[in-house]
Structures are given as C-alpha cells and as structure tokens.
Amino acid sequence: MKPPMLYTAYILATDRNKYGDYIATVETAVNCHFRVINRLQHTGSADQIESDAMGWFEPDSGVVKGTIVKFQGTHYKVEEVIEARKLRDPNIQFLKTTMMKYGPIS
C-alpha cells in the first residue's frame, strides 16, 4: 500500500562558500511522507544509531543515496533507498528512505 504523500520536503543542491561552509544553491520541493524514527542496532554493550528519520517519496522525485533533504527546518542525508514494487510488477510504486541528521546548511 502506497503511503499518502502529505508533506513537503526540499531536496537541496549544495556548494561551498569561500570559508568552506555548505550553502544551499537550489531547493526543489517534493511531496513525501515523513517520520522521525530512530533505528538502533544493539551490538553487545553498545547501541548504534542507523537512522534518525524515514521518508517515502514518489519514484520520480530524484531522491538517491547521498541526497540532502530539508524537512521542517532540519537537514538529513539519505543513507539508504529502497524501491518499493508490487509483486510481479516492475514499476516502482514509491521510494522508502532512511536518513541521518546532517549539519547546518546556510
């Protein structure tokens, strides 16, 4: 079942200024379904955070691994993209992503 794309996120194209700071050069609005969900992996005596959020996007949104996404003022980097398909249907229904928080971008 395809999640409803109720929210708007922004895909950022970035560059660096003369001080080496990242700056957003282009923001492209895309529809999405978004949840702040921490995914933890328990390894022995330590926990490792594998993601800070999950997002679902339309197949033609342009989201790929490494994409910087801004959602409600917070920046995230896409760590994993899963192409969701129906059984015996080659068409991609939506993209499911896991994301980590990313540092500030001007």
PDB file of N, CA and C in Angstrom:
ATOM      1  N   MET A   1       0.840  -1.184   0.000  1.00  0.00           N
ATOM      2  CA  MET A   1       0.000   0.000   0.000  1.00  0.00           C
ATOM      3  C   MET A   1       0.884   1.246   0.000  1.00  0.00           C
ATOM      4  N   LYS A   2       0.612   2.143  -0.895  1.00  0.00           N
ATOM      5  CA  LYS A   2       1.399   3.361  -1.019  1.00  0.00           C
ATOM      6  C   LYS A   2       1.039   4.334   0.093  1.00  0.00           C
ATOM      7  N   PRO A   3       2.064   4.868   0.813  1.00  0.00           N
ATOM      8  CA  PRO A   3       1.769   5.844   1.870  1.00  0.00           C
ATOM      9  C   PRO A   3       1.289   7.157   1.266  1.00  0.00           C
ATOM     10  N   PRO A   4       0.403   7.867   1.960  1.00  0.00           N
ATOM     11  CA  PRO A   4      -0.046   9.169   1.448  1.00  0.00           C
ATOM     12  C   PRO A   4       1.097  10.184   1.537  1.00  0.00           C
ATOM     13  N   MET A   5       1.294  10.931   0.492  1.00  0.00           N
ATOM     14  CA  MET A   5       2.360  11.936   0.443  1.00  0.00           C
ATOM     15  C   MET A   5       1.789  13.270   0.926  1.00  0.00           C
ATOM     16  N   LEU A   6       1.697  13.420   2.249  1.00  0.00           N
ATOM     17  CA  LEU A   6       1.002  14.552   2.862  1.00  0.00           C
ATOM     18  C   LEU A   6       1.886  15.766   3.149  1.00  0.00           C
ATOM     19  N   TYR A   7       3.197  15.590   3.080  1.00  0.00           N
ATOM     20  CA  TYR A   7       4.115  16.649   3.499  1.00  0.00           C
ATOM     21  C   TYR A   7       4.944  17.140   2.324  1.00  0.00           C
ATOM     22  N   THR A   8       5.638  18.236   2.547  1.00  0.00           N
ATOM     23  CA  THR A   8       6.569  18.766   1.560  1.00  0.00           C
ATOM     24  C   THR A   8       7.962  18.788   2.172  1.00  0.00           C
ATOM     25  N   ALA A   9       8.918  18.230   1.457  1.00  0.00           N
ATOM     26  CA  ALA A   9      10.331  18.287   1.830  1.00  0.00           C
ATOM     27  C   ALA A   9      11.057  18.996   0.691  1.00  0.00           C
ATOM     28  N   TYR A  10      12.293  19.352   0.921  1.00  0.00           N
ATOM     29  CA  TYR A  10      13.071  20.068  -0.089  1.00  0.00           C
ATOM     30  C   TYR A  10      14.379  19.330  -0.328  1.00  0.00           C
ATOM     31  N   ILE A  11      14.632  19.018  -1.593  1.00  0.00           N
ATOM     32  CA  ILE A  11      15.910  18.428  -1.985  1.00  0.00           C
ATOM     33  C   ILE A  11      16.862  19.587  -2.231  1.00  0.00           C
ATOM     34  N   LEU A  12      18.042  19.531  -1.614  1.00  0.00           N
ATOM     35  CA  LEU A  12      18.994  20.638  -1.710  1.00  0.00           C
ATOM     36  C   LEU A  12      20.151  20.297  -2.628  1.00  0.00           C
ATOM     37  N   ALA A  13      20.482  21.234  -3.486  1.00  0.00           N
ATOM     38  CA  ALA A  13      21.749  21.200  -4.205  1.00  0.00           C
ATOM     39  C   ALA A  13      22.661  22.133  -3.410  1.00  0.00           C
ATOM     40  N   THR A  14      23.872  21.688  -3.110  1.00  0.00           N
ATOM     41  CA  THR A  14      24.759  22.470  -2.248  1.00  0.00           C
ATOM     42  C   THR A  14      26.070  22.810  -2.946  1.00  0.00           C
ATOM     43  N   ASP A  15      26.719  23.816  -2.403  1.00  0.00           N
ATOM     44  CA  ASP A  15      28.040  24.244  -2.831  1.00  0.00           C
ATOM     45  C   ASP A  15      28.756  24.716  -1.567  1.00  0.00           C
ATOM     46  N   ARG A  16      29.996  25.111  -1.689  1.00  0.00           N
ATOM     47  CA  ARG A  16      30.726  25.646  -0.539  1.00  0.00           C
ATOM     48  C   ARG A  16      31.081  27.100  -0.775  1.00  0.00           C
ATOM     49  N   ASN A  17      30.997  27.888   0.308  1.00  0.00           N
ATOM     50  CA  ASN A  17      31.400  29.285   0.189  1.00  0.00           C
ATOM     51  C   ASN A  17      32.916  29.399   0.389  1.00  0.00           C
ATOM     52  N   LYS A  18      33.423  30.607   0.398  1.00  0.00           N
ATOM     53  CA  LYS A  18      34.884  30.791   0.492  1.00  0.00           C
ATOM     54  C   LYS A  18      35.464  30.334   1.827  1.00  0.00           C
ATOM     55  N   TYR A  19      34.605  30.126   2.834  1.00  0.00           N
ATOM     56  CA  TYR A  19      35.060  29.656   4.138  1.00  0.00           C
ATOM     57  C   TYR A  19      34.946  28.136   4.280  1.00  0.00           C
ATOM     58  N   GLY A  20      34.424  27.474   3.251  1.00  0.00           N
ATOM     59  CA  GLY A  20      34.279  26.019   3.292  1.00  0.00           C
ATOM     60  C   GLY A  20      32.948  25.552   3.852  1.00  0.00           C
ATOM     61  N   ASP A  21      32.063  26.489   4.194  1.00  0.00           N
ATOM     62  CA  ASP A  21      30.744  26.119   4.714  1.00  0.00           C
ATOM     63  C   ASP A  21      29.830  25.709   3.570  1.00  0.00           C
ATOM     64  N   TYR A  22      28.952  24.738   3.837  1.00  0.00           N
ATOM     65  CA  TYR A  22      27.979  24.340   2.828  1.00  0.00           C
ATOM     66  C   TYR A  22      26.869  25.379   2.743  1.00  0.00           C
ATOM     67  N   ILE A  23      26.491  25.698   1.509  1.00  0.00           N
ATOM     68  CA  ILE A  23      25.376  26.607   1.275  1.00  0.00           C
ATOM     69  C   ILE A  23      24.426  25.950   0.275  1.00  0.00           C
ATOM     70  N   ALA A  24      23.144  26.181   0.463  1.00  0.00           N
ATOM     71  CA  ALA A  24      22.145  25.645  -0.460  1.00  0.00           C
ATOM     72  C   ALA A  24      22.093  26.551  -1.682  1.00  0.00           C
ATOM     73  N   THR A  25      22.226  25.957  -2.867  1.00  0.00           N
ATOM     74  CA  THR A  25      22.161  26.746  -4.093  1.00  0.00           C
ATOM     75  C   THR A  25      20.779  26.635  -4.739  1.00  0.00           C
ATOM     76  N   VAL A  26      20.140  25.480  -4.593  1.00  0.00           N
ATOM     77  CA  VAL A  26      18.808  25.256  -5.156  1.00  0.00           C
ATOM     78  C   VAL A  26      18.031  24.379  -4.192  1.00  0.00           C
ATOM     79  N   GLU A  27      16.768  24.727  -3.945  1.00  0.00           N
ATOM     80  CA  GLU A  27      15.857  23.888  -3.157  1.00  0.00           C
ATOM     81  C   GLU A  27      14.702  23.485  -4.062  1.00  0.00           C
ATOM     82  N   THR A  28      14.483  22.175  -4.182  1.00  0.00           N
ATOM     83  CA  THR A  28      13.396  21.662  -5.009  1.00  0.00           C
ATOM     84  C   THR A  28      12.366  21.001  -4.110  1.00  0.00           C
ATOM     85  N   ALA A  29      11.131  21.478  -4.147  1.00  0.00           N
ATOM     86  CA  ALA A  29      10.059  20.929  -3.310  1.00  0.00           C
ATOM     87  C   ALA A  29       9.595  19.590  -3.880  1.00  0.00           C
ATOM     88  N   VAL A  30       9.426  18.609  -2.987  1.00  0.00           N
ATOM     89  CA  VAL A  30       8.902  17.296  -3.365  1.00  0.00           C
ATOM     90  C   VAL A  30       7.878  16.860  -2.326  1.00  0.00           C
ATOM     91  N   ASN A  31       6.848  16.154  -2.770  1.00  0.00           N
ATOM     92  CA  ASN A  31       5.869  15.586  -1.849  1.00  0.00           C
ATOM     93  C   ASN A  31       6.472  14.353  -1.193  1.00  0.00           C
ATOM     94  N   CYS A  32       6.113  14.140   0.066  1.00  0.00           N
ATOM     95  CA  CYS A  32       6.665  12.984   0.776  1.00  0.00           C
ATOM     96  C   CYS A  32       5.758  12.590   1.939  1.00  0.00           C
ATOM     97  N   HIS A  33       6.082  11.460   2.502  1.00  0.00           N
ATOM     98  CA  HIS A  33       5.541  11.017   3.786  1.00  0.00           C
ATOM     99  C   HIS A  33       6.771  10.939   4.669  1.00  0.00           C
ATOM    100  N   PHE A  34       6.753  11.476   5.862  1.00  0.00           N
ATOM    101  CA  PHE A  34       7.965  11.626   6.663  1.00  0.00           C
ATOM    102  C   PHE A  34       7.697  11.245   8.102  1.00  0.00           C
ATOM    103  N   ARG A  35       8.629  10.533   8.693  1.00  0.00           N
ATOM    104  CA  ARG A  35       8.547  10.189  10.106  1.00  0.00           C
ATOM    105  C   ARG A  35       9.936  10.282  10.740  1.00  0.00           C
ATOM    106  N   VAL A  36       9.999  10.936  11.881  1.00  0.00           N
ATOM    107  CA  VAL A  36      11.235  10.943  12.664  1.00  0.00           C
ATOM    108  C   VAL A  36      11.226   9.653  13.468  1.00  0.00           C
ATOM    109  N   ILE A  37      12.012   8.696  13.004  1.00  0.00           N
ATOM    110  CA  ILE A  37      12.065   7.362  13.618  1.00  0.00           C
ATOM    111  C   ILE A  37      13.531   6.985  13.753  1.00  0.00           C
ATOM    112  N   ASN A  38      13.991   6.794  14.970  1.00  0.00           N
ATOM    113  CA  ASN A  38      15.361   6.333  15.189  1.00  0.00           C
ATOM    114  C   ASN A  38      15.411   4.828  15.052  1.00  0.00           C
ATOM    115  N   ARG A  39      16.340   4.358  14.231  1.00  0.00           N
ATOM    116  CA  ARG A  39      16.552   2.917  14.092  1.00  0.00           C
ATOM    117  C   ARG A  39      17.880   2.602  14.768  1.00  0.00           C
ATOM    118  N   LEU A  40      17.821   1.765  15.776  1.00  0.00           N
ATOM    119  CA  LEU A  40      19.006   1.407  16.546  1.00  0.00           C
ATOM    120  C   LEU A  40      19.404  -0.024  16.269  1.00  0.00           C
ATOM    121  N   GLN A  41      20.707  -0.271  16.331  1.00  0.00           N
ATOM    122  CA  GLN A  41      21.204  -1.637  16.266  1.00  0.00           C
ATOM    123  C   GLN A  41      21.924  -1.913  17.578  1.00  0.00           C
ATOM    124  N   HIS A  42      21.505  -2.950  18.264  1.00  0.00           N
ATOM    125  CA  HIS A  42      22.125  -3.325  19.532  1.00  0.00           C
ATOM    126  C   HIS A  42      23.282  -4.271  19.246  1.00  0.00           C
ATOM    127  N   THR A  43      24.499  -3.824  19.576  1.00  0.00           N
ATOM    128  CA  THR A  43      25.689  -4.641  19.348  1.00  0.00           C
ATOM    129  C   THR A  43      26.434  -4.800  20.666  1.00  0.00           C
ATOM    130  N   GLY A  44      26.284  -5.943  21.284  1.00  0.00           N
ATOM    131  CA  GLY A  44      26.960  -6.189  22.552  1.00  0.00           C
ATOM    132  C   GLY A  44      26.538  -5.206  23.605  1.00  0.00           C
ATOM    133  N   SER A  45      27.473  -4.405  24.089  1.00  0.00           N
ATOM    134  CA  SER A  45      27.174  -3.456  25.156  1.00  0.00           C
ATOM    135  C   SER A  45      26.895  -2.042  24.630  1.00  0.00           C
ATOM    136  N   ALA A  46      26.898  -1.885  23.320  1.00  0.00           N
ATOM    137  CA  ALA A  46      26.690  -0.546  22.758  1.00  0.00           C
ATOM    138  C   ALA A  46      25.523  -0.544  21.784  1.00  0.00           C
ATOM    139  N   ASP A  47      24.913   0.619  21.651  1.00  0.00           N
ATOM    140  CA  ASP A  47      23.859   0.811  20.651  1.00  0.00           C
ATOM    141  C   ASP A  47      24.415   1.714  19.551  1.00  0.00           C
ATOM    142  N   GLN A  48      24.059   1.396  18.331  1.00  0.00           N
ATOM    143  CA  GLN A  48      24.491   2.198  17.199  1.00  0.00           C
ATOM    144  C   GLN A  48      23.269   2.728  16.471  1.00  0.00           C
ATOM    145  N   ILE A  49      23.220   4.045  16.278  1.00  0.00           N
ATOM    146  CA  ILE A  49      22.105   4.646  15.551  1.00  0.00           C
ATOM    147  C   ILE A  49      22.341   4.442  14.050  1.00  0.00           C
ATOM    148  N   GLU A  50      21.360   3.838  13.386  1.00  0.00           N
ATOM    149  CA  GLU A  50      21.462   3.606  11.946  1.00  0.00           C
ATOM    150  C   GLU A  50      20.673   4.630  11.140  1.00  0.00           C
ATOM    151  N   SER A  51      19.678   5.244  11.758  1.00  0.00           N
ATOM    152  CA  SER A  51      18.953   6.312  11.065  1.00  0.00           C
ATOM    153  C   SER A  51      18.214   7.181  12.083  1.00  0.00           C
ATOM    154  N   ASP A  52      17.978   8.427  11.679  1.00  0.00           N
ATOM    155  CA  ASP A  52      17.234   9.380  12.504  1.00  0.00           C
ATOM    156  C   ASP A  52      15.821   9.604  11.996  1.00  0.00           C
ATOM    157  N   ALA A  53      15.590   9.286  10.713  1.00  0.00           N
ATOM    158  CA  ALA A  53      14.278   9.527  10.115  1.00  0.00           C
ATOM    159  C   ALA A  53      14.073   8.603   8.930  1.00  0.00           C
ATOM    160  N   MET A  54      12.797   8.481   8.557  1.00  0.00           N
ATOM    161  CA  MET A  54      12.439   7.723   7.361  1.00  0.00           C
ATOM    162  C   MET A  54      11.551   8.605   6.502  1.00  0.00           C
ATOM    163  N   GLY A  55      11.739   8.509   5.198  1.00  0.00           N
ATOM    164  CA  GLY A  55      10.923   9.277   4.268  1.00  0.00           C
ATOM    165  C   GLY A  55      10.492   8.407   3.111  1.00  0.00           C
ATOM    166  N   TRP A  56       9.296   8.662   2.620  1.00  0.00           N
ATOM    167  CA  TRP A  56       8.755   7.962   1.471  1.00  0.00           C
ATOM    168  C   TRP A  56       8.519   9.003   0.391  1.00  0.00           C
ATOM    169  N   PHE A  57       9.017   8.750  -0.810  1.00  0.00           N
ATOM    170  CA  PHE A  57       8.969   9.718  -1.899  1.00  0.00           C
ATOM    171  C   PHE A  57       8.419   9.082  -3.163  1.00  0.00           C
ATOM    172  N   GLU A  58       7.923   9.924  -4.063  1.00  0.00           N
ATOM    173  CA  GLU A  58       7.476   9.460  -5.371  1.00  0.00           C
ATOM    174  C   GLU A  58       8.683   8.936  -6.148  1.00  0.00           C
ATOM    175  N   PRO A  59       8.475   7.961  -7.036  1.00  0.00           N
ATOM    176  CA  PRO A  59       9.603   7.384  -7.776  1.00  0.00           C
ATOM    177  C   PRO A  59      10.368   8.386  -8.637  1.00  0.00           C
ATOM    178  N   ASP A  60       9.703   9.440  -9.098  1.00  0.00           N
ATOM    179  CA  ASP A  60      10.354  10.421  -9.960  1.00  0.00           C
ATOM    180  C   ASP A  60      10.862  11.657  -9.200  1.00  0.00           C
ATOM    181  N   SER A  61      10.991  11.538  -7.884  1.00  0.00           N
ATOM    182  CA  SER A  61      11.385  12.682  -7.052  1.00  0.00           C
ATOM    183  C   SER A  61      12.856  13.056  -7.205  1.00  0.00           C
ATOM    184  N   GLY A  62      13.680  12.139  -7.669  1.00  0.00           N
ATOM    185  CA  GLY A  62      15.106  12.419  -7.791  1.00  0.00           C
ATOM    186  C   GLY A  62      15.902  12.091  -6.547  1.00  0.00           C
ATOM    187  N   VAL A  63      15.275  11.479  -5.552  1.00  0.00           N
ATOM    188  CA  VAL A  63      15.974  11.121  -4.313  1.00  0.00           C
ATOM    189  C   VAL A  63      16.846   9.882  -4.561  1.00  0.00           C
ATOM    190  N   VAL A  64      18.127  10.015  -4.244  1.00  0.00           N
ATOM    191  CA  VAL A  64      19.085   8.910  -4.340  1.00  0.00           C
ATOM    192  C   VAL A  64      19.941   8.922  -3.076  1.00  0.00           C
ATOM    193  N   LYS A  65      20.725   7.872  -2.888  1.00  0.00           N
ATOM    194  CA  LYS A  65      21.623   7.821  -1.736  1.00  0.00           C
ATOM    195  C   LYS A  65      22.562   9.028  -1.783  1.00  0.00           C
ATOM    196  N   GLY A  66      22.691   9.723  -0.653  1.00  0.00           N
ATOM    197  CA  GLY A  66      23.546  10.902  -0.570  1.00  0.00           C
ATOM    198  C   GLY A  66      22.806  12.215  -0.740  1.00  0.00           C
ATOM    199  N   THR A  67      21.534  12.170  -1.149  1.00  0.00           N
ATOM    200  CA  THR A  67      20.742  13.382  -1.318  1.00  0.00           C
ATOM    201  C   THR A  67      20.568  14.083   0.032  1.00  0.00           C
ATOM    202  N   ILE A  68      20.663  15.407   0.031  1.00  0.00           N
ATOM    203  CA  ILE A  68      20.398  16.194   1.231  1.00  0.00           C
ATOM    204  C   ILE A  68      18.949  16.667   1.151  1.00  0.00           C
ATOM    205  N   VAL A  69      18.177  16.353   2.195  1.00  0.00           N
ATOM    206  CA  VAL A  69      16.760  16.689   2.260  1.00  0.00           C
ATOM    207  C   VAL A  69      16.531  17.601   3.455  1.00  0.00           C
ATOM    208  N   LYS A  70      15.753  18.673   3.245  1.00  0.00           N
ATOM    209  CA  LYS A  70      15.360  19.548   4.359  1.00  0.00           C
ATOM    210  C   LYS A  70      13.884  19.307   4.632  1.00  0.00           C
ATOM    211  N   PHE A  71      13.589  18.982   5.890  1.00  0.00           N
ATOM    212  CA  PHE A  71      12.200  18.774   6.297  1.00  0.00           C
ATOM    213  C   PHE A  71      11.965  19.544   7.580  1.00  0.00           C
ATOM    214  N   GLN A  72      11.028  20.468   7.546  1.00  0.00           N
ATOM    215  CA  GLN A  72      10.670  21.311   8.686  1.00  0.00           C
ATOM    216  C   GLN A  72      11.904  21.925   9.354  1.00  0.00           C
ATOM    217  N   GLY A  73      12.810  22.448   8.523  1.00  0.00           N
ATOM    218  CA  GLY A  73      13.976  23.173   9.020  1.00  0.00           C
ATOM    219  C   GLY A  73      15.163  22.318   9.430  1.00  0.00           C
ATOM    220  N   THR A  74      15.047  21.002   9.383  1.00  0.00           N
ATOM    221  CA  THR A  74      16.149  20.110   9.742  1.00  0.00           C
ATOM    222  C   THR A  74      16.680  19.441   8.482  1.00  0.00           C
ATOM    223  N   HIS A  75      18.006  19.349   8.391  1.00  0.00           N
ATOM    224  CA  HIS A  75      18.640  18.732   7.233  1.00  0.00           C
ATOM    225  C   HIS A  75      18.956  17.264   7.523  1.00  0.00           C
ATOM    226  N   TYR A  76      18.738  16.432   6.516  1.00  0.00           N
ATOM    227  CA  TYR A  76      19.007  14.998   6.605  1.00  0.00           C
ATOM    228  C   TYR A  76      19.759  14.554   5.360  1.00  0.00           C
ATOM    229  N   LYS A  77      20.598  13.546   5.518  1.00  0.00           N
ATOM    230  CA  LYS A  77      21.281  12.933   4.380  1.00  0.00           C
ATOM    231  C   LYS A  77      20.695  11.545   4.172  1.00  0.00           C
ATOM    232  N   VAL A  78      20.303  11.230   2.949  1.00  0.00           N
ATOM    233  CA  VAL A  78      19.719   9.930   2.631  1.00  0.00           C
ATOM    234  C   VAL A  78      20.828   8.876   2.673  1.00  0.00           C
ATOM    235  N   GLU A  79      20.640   7.877   3.517  1.00  0.00           N
ATOM    236  CA  GLU A  79      21.628   6.813   3.684  1.00  0.00           C
ATOM    237  C   GLU A  79      21.273   5.547   2.911  1.00  0.00           C
ATOM    238  N   GLU A  80      19.974   5.323   2.705  1.00  0.00           N
ATOM    239  CA  GLU A  80      19.537   4.098   2.040  1.00  0.00           C
ATOM    240  C   GLU A  80      18.250   4.391   1.270  1.00  0.00           C
ATOM    241  N   VAL A  81      18.138   3.829   0.084  1.00  0.00           N
ATOM    242  CA  VAL A  81      16.932   3.967  -0.732  1.00  0.00           C
ATOM    243  C   VAL A  81      16.458   2.569  -1.119  1.00  0.00           C
ATOM    244  N   ILE A  82      15.200   2.297  -0.824  1.00  0.00           N
ATOM    245  CA  ILE A  82      14.589   1.018  -1.191  1.00  0.00           C
ATOM    246  C   ILE A  82      13.477   1.311  -2.187  1.00  0.00           C
ATOM    247  N   GLU A  83      13.531   0.657  -3.335  1.00  0.00           N
ATOM    248  CA  GLU A  83      12.496   0.818  -4.353  1.00  0.00           C
ATOM    249  C   GLU A  83      11.371  -0.164  -4.068  1.00  0.00           C
ATOM    250  N   ALA A  84      10.197   0.345  -3.755  1.00  0.00           N
ATOM    251  CA  ALA A  84       9.052  -0.497  -3.412  1.00  0.00           C
ATOM    252  C   ALA A  84       8.264  -0.834  -4.674  1.00  0.00           C
ATOM    253  N   ARG A  85       8.063  -2.133  -4.876  1.00  0.00           N
ATOM    254  CA  ARG A  85       7.301  -2.615  -6.033  1.00  0.00           C
ATOM    255  C   ARG A  85       6.238  -3.598  -5.557  1.00  0.00           C
ATOM    256  N   LYS A  86       5.184  -3.722  -6.358  1.00  0.00           N
ATOM    257  CA  LYS A  86       4.180  -4.748  -6.104  1.00  0.00           C
ATOM    258  C   LYS A  86       4.697  -6.067  -6.669  1.00  0.00           C
ATOM    259  N   LEU A  87       4.195  -7.161  -6.151  1.00  0.00           N
ATOM    260  CA  LEU A  87       4.582  -8.477  -6.617  1.00  0.00           C
ATOM    261  C   LEU A  87       4.299  -8.612  -8.113  1.00  0.00           C
ATOM    262  N   ARG A  88       5.270  -9.050  -8.842  1.00  0.00           N
ATOM    263  CA  ARG A  88       5.178  -9.264 -10.296  1.00  0.00           C
ATOM    264  C   ARG A  88       4.872  -7.991 -11.088  1.00  0.00           C
ATOM    265  N   ASP A  89       5.221  -6.846 -10.547  1.00  0.00           N
ATOM    266  CA  ASP A  89       5.033  -5.577 -11.244  1.00  0.00           C
ATOM    267  C   ASP A  89       6.378  -4.851 -11.248  1.00  0.00           C
ATOM    268  N   PRO A  90       6.963  -4.605 -12.401  1.00  0.00           N
ATOM    269  CA  PRO A  90       8.293  -3.974 -12.451  1.00  0.00           C
ATOM    270  C   PRO A  90       8.279  -2.481 -12.119  1.00  0.00           C
ATOM    271  N   ASN A  91       7.098  -1.860 -12.078  1.00  0.00           N
ATOM    272  CA  ASN A  91       7.018  -0.426 -11.814  1.00  0.00           C
ATOM    273  C   ASN A  91       7.280  -0.116 -10.350  1.00  0.00           C
ATOM    274  N   ILE A  92       8.066   0.933 -10.116  1.00  0.00           N
ATOM    275  CA  ILE A  92       8.351   1.375  -8.750  1.00  0.00           C
ATOM    276  C   ILE A  92       7.140   2.150  -8.246  1.00  0.00           C
ATOM    277  N   GLN A  93       6.612   1.759  -7.090  1.00  0.00           N
ATOM    278  CA  GLN A  93       5.442   2.421  -6.505  1.00  0.00           C
ATOM    279  C   GLN A  93       5.850   3.663  -5.707  1.00  0.00           C
ATOM    280  N   PHE A  94       6.940   3.535  -4.933  1.00  0.00           N
ATOM    281  CA  PHE A  94       7.467   4.657  -4.160  1.00  0.00           C
ATOM    282  C   PHE A  94       8.869   4.312  -3.699  1.00  0.00           C
ATOM    283  N   LEU A  95       9.593   5.310  -3.190  1.00  0.00           N
ATOM    284  CA  LEU A  95      10.932   5.124  -2.637  1.00  0.00           C
ATOM    285  C   LEU A  95      10.860   5.260  -1.126  1.00  0.00           C
ATOM    286  N   LYS A  96      11.370   4.274  -0.432  1.00  0.00           N
ATOM    287  CA  LYS A  96      11.446   4.319   1.035  1.00  0.00           C
ATOM    288  C   LYS A  96      12.902   4.604   1.387  1.00  0.00           C
ATOM    289  N   THR A  97      13.125   5.631   2.216  1.00  0.00           N
ATOM    290  CA  THR A  97      14.498   6.021   2.545  1.00  0.00           C
ATOM    291  C   THR A  97      14.730   6.033   4.050  1.00  0.00           C
ATOM    292  N   THR A  98      15.972   5.794   4.426  1.00  0.00           N
ATOM    293  CA  THR A  98      16.414   6.037   5.799  1.00  0.00           C
ATOM    294  C   THR A  98      17.403   7.194   5.732  1.00  0.00           C
ATOM    295  N   MET A  99      17.347   8.066   6.748  1.00  0.00           N
ATOM    296  CA  MET A  99      18.145   9.287   6.731  1.00  0.00           C
ATOM    297  C   MET A  99      18.805   9.546   8.082  1.00  0.00           C
ATOM    298  N   MET A 100      19.949  10.198   8.016  1.00  0.00           N
ATOM    299  CA  MET A 100      20.663  10.657   9.213  1.00  0.00           C
ATOM    300  C   MET A 100      20.629  12.182   9.232  1.00  0.00           C
ATOM    301  N   LYS A 101      20.563  12.749  10.433  1.00  0.00           N
ATOM    302  CA  LYS A 101      20.627  14.214  10.554  1.00  0.00           C
ATOM    303  C   LYS A 101      21.934  14.694   9.976  1.00  0.00           C
ATOM    304  N   TYR A 102      21.877  15.873   9.364  1.00  0.00           N
ATOM    305  CA  TYR A 102      23.022  16.445   8.685  1.00  0.00           C
ATOM    306  C   TYR A 102      23.270  17.817   9.276  1.00  0.00           C
ATOM    307  N   GLY A 103      24.501  18.260   9.236  1.00  0.00           N
ATOM    308  CA  GLY A 103      24.870  19.548   9.817  1.00  0.00           C
ATOM    309  C   GLY A 103      24.184  20.723   9.158  1.00  0.00           C
ATOM    310  N   PRO A 104      24.406  21.902   9.696  1.00  0.00           N
ATOM    311  CA  PRO A 104      23.726  23.097   9.185  1.00  0.00           C
ATOM    312  C   PRO A 104      24.196  23.465   7.775  1.00  0.00           C
ATOM    313  N   ILE A 105      23.225  23.945   7.001  1.00  0.00           N
ATOM    314  CA  ILE A 105      23.491  24.447   5.656  1.00  0.00           C
ATOM    315  C   ILE A 105      22.839  25.815   5.569  1.00  0.00           C
ATOM    316  N   SER A 106      23.586  26.788   5.132  1.00  0.00           N
ATOM    317  CA  SER A 106      23.061  28.156   5.020  1.00  0.00           C
ATOM    318  C   SER A 106      22.169  28.298   3.814  1.00  0.00           C
TER     319      SER A 106
END
